[in-house]
């Protein structure tokens, strides 16, 4: 089996590649990435891409369709990957997360690819009531990032058929350790703060709901989607991906971390503007369709694993929100260094 992973050099890719490499059928693994975050290695003794058969560098906006020859499955992870980045680079967010995805999916179908996996997001539910949202509920995307996911899902649907099975995994908010760690995620930010300053800073009032999923459980779900057949969920499937046990209010996440990393205090920004992004999610369909690929990690596991990894890294950066572990800062630094232009395209070094 030949699998092309587009956007493999980010937060999710290293764990996914490792999981797929352990498959006893020994698939051929191909990576394609622009390399924005290639240098952002953490908790790794070797380059994760050595586990691939081939690593290709390029921009999804200029994707070479020839890479699709002989490919059985495409996994689309490429994204301008959070709300602050989407706000600053809105047009690029739509180009990368949505328009390029659709162009590549259409080319993949024409090339005879069997399955296409799209990393979507539960953030598309936006501002919601306290009733857990299922795939049949209306979406309410509030940001460019969330809107890009909705648009991509909508235009992927008509491409699907029995010979081109499309799965849109609406992931809960990612967390946990990766060999390309991000700290611009709620649980990861809280754990980092607890480690370096004995303080968990809640930047909102703490009441918004967030479902969570460990990044390694995301890889497990992607593996299932790669091998999914149309008789298990249909030619086109949108599925909330996570666990009902992982729906938490932000203040509950902070409290759980404080129980593991003892001695840290929790502060709440009482002057913060209301965070309208609040949603509980129903994951029953995922449990029904993928019973053997349910999450292995719980909240405590993820906190302990991340905390231990940060300690082993001698992580002490009290200014980590300005560091290379924040994806927006990486792009801004690359632009400041003259490496990227205003469209986030690489300049030629002279």
Protein backbone atom coordinates (compact mmCIF):
# COMPACT_ATOMS: atom_id res chain seq x y z
CA UNK A 1 0.00 0.00 0.00
CA UNK A 2 1.31 3.45 -0.94
CA UNK A 3 0.26 6.33 1.32
CA UNK A 4 0.90 10.02 0.62
CA UNK A 5 0.81 12.26 3.70
CA UNK A 6 0.45 15.92 2.78
CA UNK A 7 1.56 18.23 5.59
CA UNK A 8 3.51 15.52 7.41
CA UNK A 9 6.10 17.81 9.05
CA UNK A 10 3.81 19.38 11.63
CA UNK A 11 2.41 18.38 15.01
CA UNK A 12 0.41 15.33 13.91
CA UNK A 13 2.64 13.92 11.18
CA UNK A 14 5.51 12.39 13.21
CA UNK A 15 3.20 10.25 15.32
CA UNK A 16 1.17 9.22 12.29
CA UNK A 17 4.25 8.18 10.34
CA UNK A 18 5.56 6.13 13.28
CA UNK A 19 2.23 4.36 13.66
CA UNK A 20 1.95 3.55 9.97
CA UNK A 21 5.58 2.40 9.81
CA UNK A 22 4.83 -0.21 12.47
CA UNK A 23 2.13 -1.72 10.27
CA UNK A 24 3.07 -5.31 9.56
CA UNK A 25 2.10 -4.86 5.89
CA UNK A 26 4.98 -2.35 5.57
CA UNK A 27 3.29 0.36 3.48
CA UNK A 28 5.24 2.72 1.25
CA UNK A 29 5.09 6.11 2.99
CA UNK A 30 5.55 9.35 1.06
CA UNK A 31 5.65 12.80 2.66
CA UNK A 32 4.92 16.19 1.09
CA UNK A 33 5.42 19.37 3.09
CA UNK A 34 6.55 22.96 2.63
CA UNK A 35 8.84 22.68 5.65
CA UNK A 36 7.77 25.71 7.68
CA UNK A 37 8.17 23.74 10.92
CA UNK A 38 10.81 21.23 9.88
CA UNK A 39 13.32 22.72 12.33
CA UNK A 40 10.92 22.75 15.29
CA UNK A 41 12.01 19.40 16.71
CA UNK A 42 11.28 18.48 20.33
CA UNK A 43 11.83 15.33 22.35
CA UNK A 44 13.34 13.54 19.33
CA UNK A 45 16.70 11.84 18.94
CA UNK A 46 16.36 11.55 15.16
CA UNK A 47 14.56 13.24 12.28
CA UNK A 48 11.02 11.79 12.12
CA UNK A 49 11.09 11.78 8.31
CA UNK A 50 13.73 9.03 8.30
CA UNK A 51 10.78 6.69 8.85
CA UNK A 52 9.40 7.65 5.43
CA UNK A 53 10.38 6.06 2.14
CA UNK A 54 10.47 9.50 0.49
CA UNK A 55 10.15 13.10 1.68
CA UNK A 56 9.13 15.71 -0.89
CA UNK A 57 9.22 19.45 -0.29
CA UNK A 58 6.76 21.82 -1.90
CA UNK A 59 3.75 24.08 -1.47
CA UNK A 60 0.26 22.58 -1.66
CA UNK A 61 -0.74 25.62 -3.73
CA UNK A 62 1.64 24.29 -6.42
CA UNK A 63 1.16 20.58 -5.81
CA UNK A 64 2.76 18.31 -8.46
CA UNK A 65 0.04 15.85 -9.47
CA UNK A 66 2.67 13.38 -10.61
CA UNK A 67 3.23 12.44 -6.97
CA UNK A 68 -0.18 10.76 -7.02
CA UNK A 69 0.88 8.03 -9.43
CA UNK A 70 0.37 4.62 -7.83
CA UNK A 71 -0.87 6.12 -4.53
CA UNK A 72 -3.60 4.18 -2.71
CA UNK A 73 -4.44 6.72 0.00
CA UNK A 74 -3.92 10.46 0.56
CA UNK A 75 -3.97 12.03 4.02
CA UNK A 76 -4.43 15.81 3.94
CA UNK A 77 -2.96 17.36 7.10
CA UNK A 78 -1.72 20.58 5.49
CA UNK A 79 -3.21 23.66 7.13
CA UNK A 80 -2.66 27.13 8.45
CA UNK A 81 -3.46 25.51 11.68
CA UNK A 82 -5.16 27.69 14.26
CA UNK A 83 -7.32 30.77 14.79
CA UNK A 84 -4.56 33.39 15.39
CA UNK A 85 -2.77 32.25 12.23
CA UNK A 86 -6.02 32.25 10.29
CA UNK A 87 -6.79 35.78 11.45
CA UNK A 88 -3.42 37.10 10.26
CA UNK A 89 -3.21 35.04 7.06
CA UNK A 90 -6.89 34.70 6.14
CA UNK A 91 -6.59 34.43 2.35
CA UNK A 92 -3.71 31.97 2.64
CA UNK A 93 -5.73 29.93 5.14
CA UNK A 94 -8.48 29.46 2.54
CA UNK A 95 -5.95 28.68 -0.19
CA UNK A 96 -4.10 26.05 1.84
CA UNK A 97 -6.82 24.52 4.01
CA UNK A 98 -9.62 24.51 1.46
CA UNK A 99 -8.88 25.34 -2.19
CA UNK A 100 -5.67 23.33 -2.44
CA UNK A 101 -7.31 20.42 -0.65
CA UNK A 102 -10.10 20.28 -3.23
CA UNK A 103 -7.73 20.55 -6.19
CA UNK A 104 -5.56 17.74 -4.84
CA UNK A 105 -8.56 15.56 -4.00
CA UNK A 106 -9.90 15.91 -7.55
CA UNK A 107 -6.47 15.04 -8.96
CA UNK A 108 -6.23 12.09 -6.58
CA UNK A 109 -9.55 10.71 -7.76
CA UNK A 110 -8.47 11.08 -11.39
CA UNK A 111 -5.22 9.26 -10.58
CA UNK A 112 -7.06 6.26 -9.12
CA UNK A 113 -6.42 6.90 -5.41
CA UNK A 114 -8.77 4.73 -3.33
CA UNK A 115 -9.17 6.72 -0.09
CA UNK A 116 -8.79 10.38 0.87
CA UNK A 117 -8.57 11.46 4.52
CA UNK A 118 -9.16 15.10 5.46
CA UNK A 119 -8.19 16.44 8.88
CA UNK A 120 -11.16 18.61 9.80
CA UNK A 121 -12.03 20.10 13.18
CA UNK A 122 -14.76 20.24 15.81
CA UNK A 123 -14.10 23.99 15.96
CA UNK A 124 -16.61 24.31 13.13
CA UNK A 125 -19.39 24.04 15.76
CA UNK A 126 -18.26 27.45 17.03
CA UNK A 127 -20.65 28.99 19.51
CA UNK A 128 -23.02 26.30 20.70
CA UNK A 129 -25.28 25.44 23.60
CA UNK A 130 -24.44 22.78 26.17
CA UNK A 131 -25.97 19.95 24.13
CA UNK A 132 -23.22 17.77 22.61
CA UNK A 133 -23.10 18.35 18.86
CA UNK A 134 -23.45 15.44 16.46
CA UNK A 135 -22.55 15.36 12.79
CA UNK A 136 -26.20 16.10 11.94
CA UNK A 137 -26.25 19.39 13.86
CA UNK A 138 -25.74 22.74 12.17
CA UNK A 139 -22.24 24.17 12.13
CA UNK A 140 -21.41 27.70 13.22
CA UNK A 141 -17.81 28.49 12.21
CA UNK A 142 -16.56 31.71 13.79
CA UNK A 143 -13.04 31.95 12.37
CA UNK A 144 -11.25 31.71 9.03
CA UNK A 145 -9.71 28.41 10.16
CA UNK A 146 -13.09 26.87 11.02
CA UNK A 147 -14.73 28.24 7.85
CA UNK A 148 -11.97 26.75 5.70
CA UNK A 149 -12.75 23.31 7.15
CA UNK A 150 -16.47 23.68 6.45
CA UNK A 151 -15.86 24.75 2.84
CA UNK A 152 -13.50 21.84 2.24
CA UNK A 153 -15.93 19.29 3.67
CA UNK A 154 -18.73 20.62 1.47
CA UNK A 155 -16.75 20.36 -1.75
CA UNK A 156 -15.19 17.00 -0.95
CA UNK A 157 -18.61 15.34 -0.74
CA UNK A 158 -19.48 15.36 -4.48
CA UNK A 159 -16.07 13.86 -5.30
CA UNK A 160 -16.72 10.72 -3.25
CA UNK A 161 -17.93 7.45 -4.76
CA UNK A 162 -17.40 3.74 -4.21
CA UNK A 163 -13.98 3.96 -5.87
CA UNK A 164 -12.93 7.13 -4.03
CA UNK A 165 -13.87 6.92 -0.36
CA UNK A 166 -13.57 10.25 1.48
CA UNK A 167 -13.39 10.59 5.27
CA UNK A 168 -13.51 13.97 7.05
CA UNK A 169 -12.29 13.52 10.60
CA UNK A 170 -13.66 16.34 12.75
CA UNK A 171 -10.98 16.21 15.40
CA UNK A 172 -11.37 17.43 18.95
CA UNK A 173 -8.70 19.89 20.13
CA UNK A 174 -5.32 18.21 19.94
CA UNK A 175 -2.99 17.80 22.93
CA UNK A 176 -0.01 15.80 24.11
CA UNK A 177 3.64 15.31 23.26
CA UNK A 178 4.94 15.21 19.68
CA UNK A 179 8.37 15.30 18.13
CA UNK A 180 7.23 18.66 16.72
CA UNK A 181 5.46 19.97 19.78
CA UNK A 182 3.05 22.90 19.71
CA UNK A 183 2.28 24.93 22.81
CA UNK A 184 -0.45 27.03 21.16
CA UNK A 185 -3.07 24.48 22.24
CA UNK A 186 -5.05 24.82 25.43
CA UNK A 187 -3.87 21.79 27.41
CA UNK A 188 -0.29 22.07 26.16
CA UNK A 189 -0.16 25.76 27.08
CA UNK A 190 -1.44 25.04 30.59
CA UNK A 191 1.06 22.25 31.20
CA UNK A 192 3.97 24.37 29.97
CA UNK A 193 2.95 27.23 32.27
CA UNK A 194 2.66 24.88 35.21
CA UNK A 195 6.15 23.49 34.54
CA UNK A 196 8.04 26.76 34.07
CA UNK A 197 6.26 29.17 36.41
CA UNK A 198 4.01 27.07 38.66
CA UNK A 199 1.07 28.94 37.16
CA UNK A 200 -1.77 28.02 34.82
CA UNK A 201 -3.03 31.16 33.14
CA UNK A 202 -6.61 30.93 31.86
CA UNK A 203 -6.86 33.70 29.30
CA UNK A 204 -10.67 33.50 29.16
CA UNK A 205 -13.17 33.21 32.01
CA UNK A 206 -12.69 29.45 31.92
CA UNK A 207 -16.27 28.53 31.04
CA UNK A 208 -15.98 27.55 27.32
CA UNK A 209 -16.29 23.86 26.49
CA UNK A 210 -13.54 22.04 24.58
CA UNK A 211 -13.36 18.39 23.58
CA UNK A 212 -9.78 17.05 23.59
CA UNK A 213 -7.88 14.26 21.86
CA UNK A 214 -4.28 13.14 22.27
CA UNK A 215 -2.20 13.62 19.12
CA UNK A 216 -1.30 9.93 19.08
CA UNK A 217 -4.98 9.00 19.15
CA UNK A 218 -5.42 11.28 16.14
CA UNK A 219 -2.88 9.09 14.33
CA UNK A 220 -4.84 6.01 15.36
CA UNK A 221 -8.04 7.46 13.88
CA UNK A 222 -6.29 8.43 10.64
CA UNK A 223 -5.03 4.86 10.28
CA UNK A 224 -8.64 3.68 10.50
CA UNK A 225 -9.79 6.22 7.89
CA UNK A 226 -7.01 5.22 5.47
CA UNK A 227 -8.33 1.66 5.47
CA UNK A 228 -12.05 2.49 5.66
CA UNK A 229 -14.33 0.93 3.03
CA UNK A 230 -17.53 2.50 1.74
CA UNK A 231 -19.62 -0.21 3.43
CA UNK A 232 -18.49 1.21 6.79
CA UNK A 233 -19.99 4.68 6.85
CA UNK A 234 -20.58 5.30 3.14
CA UNK A 235 -18.61 6.76 0.24
CA UNK A 236 -18.43 10.11 2.03
CA UNK A 237 -18.21 10.34 5.80
CA UNK A 238 -18.00 13.20 8.25
CA UNK A 239 -17.30 11.93 11.75
CA UNK A 240 -16.56 13.66 15.04
CA UNK A 241 -13.29 12.14 16.21
CA UNK A 242 -12.58 11.92 19.92
CA UNK A 243 -14.29 10.59 23.04
CA UNK A 244 -17.35 11.67 25.02
CA UNK A 245 -15.22 11.41 28.19
CA UNK A 246 -12.99 14.20 26.89
CA UNK A 247 -15.53 17.05 26.88
CA UNK A 248 -14.26 19.60 29.41
CA UNK A 249 -14.69 23.23 30.31
CA UNK A 250 -11.39 25.09 30.12
CA UNK A 251 -11.37 25.62 33.89
CA UNK A 252 -11.81 21.86 34.38
CA UNK A 253 -8.74 21.20 32.22
CA UNK A 254 -6.75 23.61 34.35
CA UNK A 255 -7.97 21.97 37.55
CA UNK A 256 -7.05 18.49 36.33
CA UNK A 257 -3.53 19.65 35.45
CA UNK A 258 -3.12 21.25 38.89
CA UNK A 259 -3.91 17.87 40.46
CA UNK A 260 -1.07 16.25 38.50
CA UNK A 261 1.49 19.07 38.69
CA UNK A 262 1.07 19.94 42.33
CA UNK A 263 1.93 23.31 43.78
CA UNK A 264 0.88 25.39 40.78
CA UNK A 265 -1.78 28.08 41.01
CA UNK A 266 -4.57 28.84 38.58
CA UNK A 267 -5.26 32.42 37.51
CA UNK A 268 -8.26 33.61 35.51
CA UNK A 269 -8.33 36.74 33.38
CA UNK A 270 -11.45 38.39 34.79
CA UNK A 271 -11.19 41.20 32.23
CA UNK A 272 -11.08 38.88 29.21
CA UNK A 273 -13.61 39.29 26.44
CA UNK A 274 -16.07 36.43 26.21
CA UNK A 275 -14.70 33.53 24.19
CA UNK A 276 -17.59 32.60 21.91
CA UNK A 277 -15.90 29.39 20.82
CA UNK A 278 -17.58 26.86 23.09
CA UNK A 279 -18.87 23.45 22.08
CA UNK A 280 -19.47 20.00 23.52
CA UNK A 281 -19.33 17.17 21.00
CA UNK A 282 -21.02 13.79 20.60
CA UNK A 283 -18.62 11.06 19.43
CA UNK A 284 -21.08 8.15 19.26
CA UNK A 285 -20.74 7.68 15.49
CA UNK A 286 -16.96 7.32 15.71
CA UNK A 287 -17.34 4.77 18.50
CA UNK A 288 -19.84 2.82 16.38
CA UNK A 289 -17.82 2.83 13.15
CA UNK A 290 -14.29 2.50 14.59
CA UNK A 291 -14.59 0.37 17.75
CA UNK A 292 -11.00 -0.88 17.41
CA UNK A 293 -9.54 2.62 16.97
CA UNK A 294 -10.94 4.40 20.00
CA UNK A 295 -8.66 6.74 22.00
CA UNK A 296 -6.15 5.07 24.29
CA UNK A 297 -5.19 8.19 26.25
CA UNK A 298 -7.19 9.96 28.94
CA UNK A 299 -6.65 13.45 30.31
CA UNK A 300 -4.26 12.39 33.07
CA UNK A 301 -2.19 10.25 30.69
CA UNK A 302 -1.75 13.19 28.35
CA UNK A 303 -0.83 15.63 31.11
CA UNK A 304 1.71 13.24 32.66
CA UNK A 305 3.24 12.35 29.28
CA UNK A 306 3.64 15.97 28.25
CA UNK A 307 4.93 17.10 31.64
CA UNK A 308 7.51 14.31 31.75
CA UNK A 309 8.69 15.11 28.23
CA UNK A 310 9.07 18.82 29.00
CA UNK A 311 11.05 18.03 32.15
CA UNK A 312 13.30 15.65 30.21
CA UNK A 313 13.89 18.47 27.71
CA UNK A 314 14.91 20.75 30.60
CA UNK A 315 12.16 23.06 29.42
CA UNK A 316 12.43 26.35 31.36
CA UNK A 317 11.31 29.03 28.91
CA UNK A 318 8.98 31.38 30.82
CA UNK A 319 8.45 33.26 27.52
CA UNK A 320 7.35 30.17 25.63
CA UNK A 321 4.37 32.01 24.11
CA UNK A 322 6.91 34.02 22.11
CA UNK A 323 8.98 30.97 21.15
CA UNK A 324 9.40 28.56 18.24
CA UNK A 325 6.85 26.30 19.93
CA UNK A 326 4.10 28.70 18.84
CA UNK A 327 3.24 28.20 15.18
CA UNK A 328 2.34 31.84 14.48
CA UNK A 329 5.68 32.96 15.92
CA UNK A 330 7.53 30.55 13.63
CA UNK A 331 5.92 32.05 10.54
CA UNK A 332 6.48 35.60 11.77
CA UNK A 333 10.14 34.84 12.48
CA UNK A 334 10.62 33.31 9.04
CA UNK A 335 9.12 36.41 7.46
CA UNK A 336 11.27 38.71 9.61
CA UNK A 337 14.36 36.75 8.53
CA UNK A 338 13.42 37.28 4.89
CA UNK A 339 12.83 33.56 4.29
CA UNK A 340 9.10 33.86 3.49
CA UNK A 341 7.29 36.50 1.44
CA UNK A 342 3.91 38.05 2.24
CA UNK A 343 2.13 35.03 0.72
CA UNK A 344 4.14 32.64 2.92
CA UNK A 345 6.08 31.36 -0.06
CA UNK A 346 9.76 30.59 0.33
CA UNK A 347 12.17 33.14 -1.11
CA UNK A 348 15.28 31.92 -2.89
CA UNK A 349 18.30 32.39 -0.70
CA UNK A 350 21.26 34.03 -2.43
